[in-house]
Amino acid sequence: MKLNNINLRKNEKNFLKSLLENGNKSDAQIAREIKISKATASRIRKKLEQSLISDYIPIINLDKIGINIFVVITFQWNSFNDVAFTKKTFSELKENPNVIFLANGEGSPDITSVMFLGFENLESYHEYFKNFRSKYSNHIDKMNTLLSPS
């Protein structure tokens, strides 16, 4: 497999660094900050969007939408052999308003799945996981939970 290396010049690196600090910066703002012309900044952005930048995504301030507790759980799903049940379960989990992200993967012998969840408070977190454990305890092993304020 051939790897394509992207060689960035000094202005391109500075542009990218500025953009990483705040993705909402305009070309004019970045141009002023790194002391280049607006036209040069626009050319750099166009080049980076063709070669390196795949998307611009918003970062949401979770506590402003009522999410005060953020939870990451990893677990081993042991029912992949029941394809219909697994598909139905993961579809239901993704539809839950507390679930921000859910994915299955490979690489760890003990972890097959990861979920990111958000909760308004500890009470709603405890209620969700009480129901989660009672519903899926026969299908999940080695669950690890990381609880964090948003």
Protein backbone atom coordinates (compact mmCIF):
# COMPACT_ATOMS: atom_id res chain seq x y z
CA MET A 1 0.00 0.00 0.00
CA LYS A 2 1.39 3.37 -1.01
CA LEU A 3 0.98 6.23 1.45
CA ASN A 4 0.43 9.69 0.04
CA ASN A 5 2.38 12.24 2.01
CA ILE A 6 1.08 15.77 1.98
CA ASN A 7 3.90 18.25 2.25
CA LEU A 8 2.63 21.44 3.81
CA ARG A 9 4.44 24.73 3.53
CA LYS A 10 4.84 27.06 6.49
CA ASN A 11 1.77 29.19 5.62
CA GLU A 12 -0.33 26.08 5.07
CA LYS A 13 0.71 24.67 8.44
CA ASN A 14 -0.06 27.98 10.14
CA PHE A 15 -3.42 28.18 8.36
CA LEU A 16 -4.32 24.67 9.45
CA LYS A 17 -3.21 25.32 13.04
CA SER A 18 -5.37 28.45 13.18
CA LEU A 19 -8.33 26.58 11.71
CA LEU A 20 -7.92 23.79 14.26
CA GLU A 21 -8.08 26.33 17.08
CA ASN A 22 -11.42 27.60 15.77
CA GLY A 23 -13.07 26.02 12.75
CA ASN A 24 -15.40 29.02 12.30
CA LYS A 25 -12.61 31.44 11.36
CA SER A 26 -12.99 33.08 8.00
CA ASP A 27 -10.16 33.30 5.50
CA ALA A 28 -9.88 37.02 6.28
CA GLN A 29 -9.50 36.32 10.01
CA ILE A 30 -6.87 33.67 9.44
CA ALA A 31 -5.05 35.87 6.92
CA ARG A 32 -4.78 38.69 9.49
CA GLU A 33 -3.69 36.27 12.21
CA ILE A 34 -0.90 34.58 10.24
CA LYS A 35 -0.01 37.69 8.22
CA ILE A 36 -0.84 36.61 4.68
CA SER A 37 -3.21 38.05 2.08
CA LYS A 38 -6.86 37.03 2.01
CA ALA A 39 -6.38 35.67 -1.52
CA THR A 40 -3.51 33.47 -0.30
CA ALA A 41 -5.66 32.27 2.61
CA SER A 42 -8.46 31.38 0.20
CA ARG A 43 -6.05 29.43 -2.03
CA ILE A 44 -4.68 27.58 1.00
CA ARG A 45 -8.17 26.68 2.21
CA LYS A 46 -9.11 25.39 -1.25
CA LYS A 47 -5.93 23.27 -1.41
CA LEU A 48 -6.49 21.86 2.09
CA GLU A 49 -10.14 21.07 1.35
CA GLN A 50 -9.07 19.12 -1.73
CA SER A 51 -6.30 17.22 0.02
CA LEU A 52 -6.70 17.16 3.80
CA ILE A 53 -9.93 18.63 5.20
CA SER A 54 -12.86 16.28 4.74
CA ASP A 55 -15.56 18.16 6.66
CA TYR A 56 -16.36 20.92 9.10
CA ILE A 57 -18.41 19.78 12.08
CA PRO A 58 -20.05 21.71 14.91
CA ILE A 59 -19.04 21.10 18.49
CA ILE A 60 -22.07 21.41 20.70
CA ASN A 61 -21.94 22.81 24.22
CA LEU A 62 -23.79 19.88 25.79
CA ASP A 63 -24.72 21.54 29.08
CA LYS A 64 -26.63 24.23 27.15
CA ILE A 65 -28.98 21.53 25.83
CA GLY A 66 -29.43 19.90 29.23
CA ILE A 67 -26.70 17.25 29.08
CA ASN A 68 -24.72 17.58 32.28
CA ILE A 69 -23.30 14.07 32.48
CA PHE A 70 -21.43 12.38 29.66
CA VAL A 71 -20.89 8.60 29.72
CA VAL A 72 -18.67 6.39 27.61
CA ILE A 73 -19.23 2.67 27.90
CA THR A 74 -17.38 -0.18 26.27
CA PHE A 75 -18.63 -3.73 26.34
CA GLN A 76 -18.42 -7.12 24.76
CA TRP A 77 -21.63 -8.02 22.92
CA ASN A 78 -21.93 -11.80 23.05
CA SER A 79 -25.01 -12.27 20.83
CA PHE A 80 -23.65 -11.43 17.37
CA ASN A 81 -24.58 -14.97 16.29
CA ASP A 82 -28.25 -13.97 16.67
CA VAL A 83 -28.16 -11.52 13.77
CA ALA A 84 -31.83 -10.48 13.89
CA PHE A 85 -31.73 -9.82 17.64
CA THR A 86 -28.46 -7.92 17.39
CA LYS A 87 -29.72 -5.77 14.53
CA LYS A 88 -32.97 -5.01 16.38
CA THR A 89 -31.17 -4.24 19.66
CA PHE A 90 -28.58 -1.90 18.14
CA SER A 91 -31.28 -0.15 16.15
CA GLU A 92 -33.29 0.41 19.36
CA LEU A 93 -30.20 1.63 21.20
CA LYS A 94 -29.38 4.13 18.45
CA GLU A 95 -32.93 5.48 18.60
CA ASN A 96 -32.66 6.24 22.32
CA PRO A 97 -32.34 10.00 22.87
CA ASN A 98 -29.55 9.47 25.43
CA VAL A 99 -27.35 7.65 22.91
CA ILE A 100 -25.07 10.08 21.07
CA PHE A 101 -22.90 7.49 19.33
CA LEU A 102 -22.86 3.69 19.07
CA ALA A 103 -20.44 1.53 17.10
CA ASN A 104 -19.06 -1.99 16.88
CA GLY A 105 -15.47 -2.72 16.06
CA GLU A 106 -12.59 -5.14 16.22
CA GLY A 107 -9.13 -5.17 17.70
CA SER A 108 -9.65 -5.81 21.38
CA PRO A 109 -10.38 -9.29 22.68
CA ASP A 110 -12.62 -7.88 25.42
CA ILE A 111 -14.42 -5.01 23.67
CA THR A 112 -16.72 -5.18 20.66
CA SER A 113 -18.86 -2.08 21.16
CA VAL A 114 -18.67 1.50 22.36
CA MET A 115 -21.47 3.91 23.26
CA PHE A 116 -21.39 7.61 24.11
CA LEU A 117 -24.39 8.80 26.09
CA GLY A 118 -25.60 12.05 27.63
CA PHE A 119 -27.83 12.58 30.67
CA GLU A 120 -29.39 15.53 32.42
CA ASN A 121 -28.47 14.28 35.89
CA LEU A 122 -27.27 11.28 37.90
CA GLU A 123 -30.82 10.11 38.50
CA SER A 124 -31.56 9.77 34.77
CA TYR A 125 -28.17 8.07 34.29
CA HIS A 126 -28.91 5.52 37.04
CA GLU A 127 -32.41 4.87 35.70
CA TYR A 128 -31.12 4.30 32.14
CA PHE A 129 -28.44 1.84 33.25
CA LYS A 130 -30.78 0.00 35.59
CA ASN A 131 -33.04 -0.69 32.60
CA PHE A 132 -30.07 -1.32 30.28
CA ARG A 133 -28.58 -3.95 32.59
CA SER A 134 -31.90 -5.68 33.23
CA LYS A 135 -32.68 -5.84 29.50
CA TYR A 136 -29.25 -6.78 28.12
CA SER A 137 -27.30 -8.42 30.98
CA ASN A 138 -27.51 -11.85 29.30
CA HIS A 139 -25.96 -10.43 26.12
CA ILE A 140 -23.18 -8.21 27.49
CA ASP A 141 -19.90 -9.06 29.18
CA LYS A 142 -17.01 -6.92 30.39
CA MET A 143 -18.83 -3.60 30.48
CA ASN A 144 -16.69 -0.61 31.44
CA THR A 145 -18.15 2.82 32.18
CA LEU A 146 -16.49 6.23 32.23
CA LEU A 147 -18.66 8.93 33.75
CA SER A 148 -17.72 12.58 33.24
CA PRO A 149 -19.32 15.99 33.64
CA SER A 150 -20.13 17.51 30.24
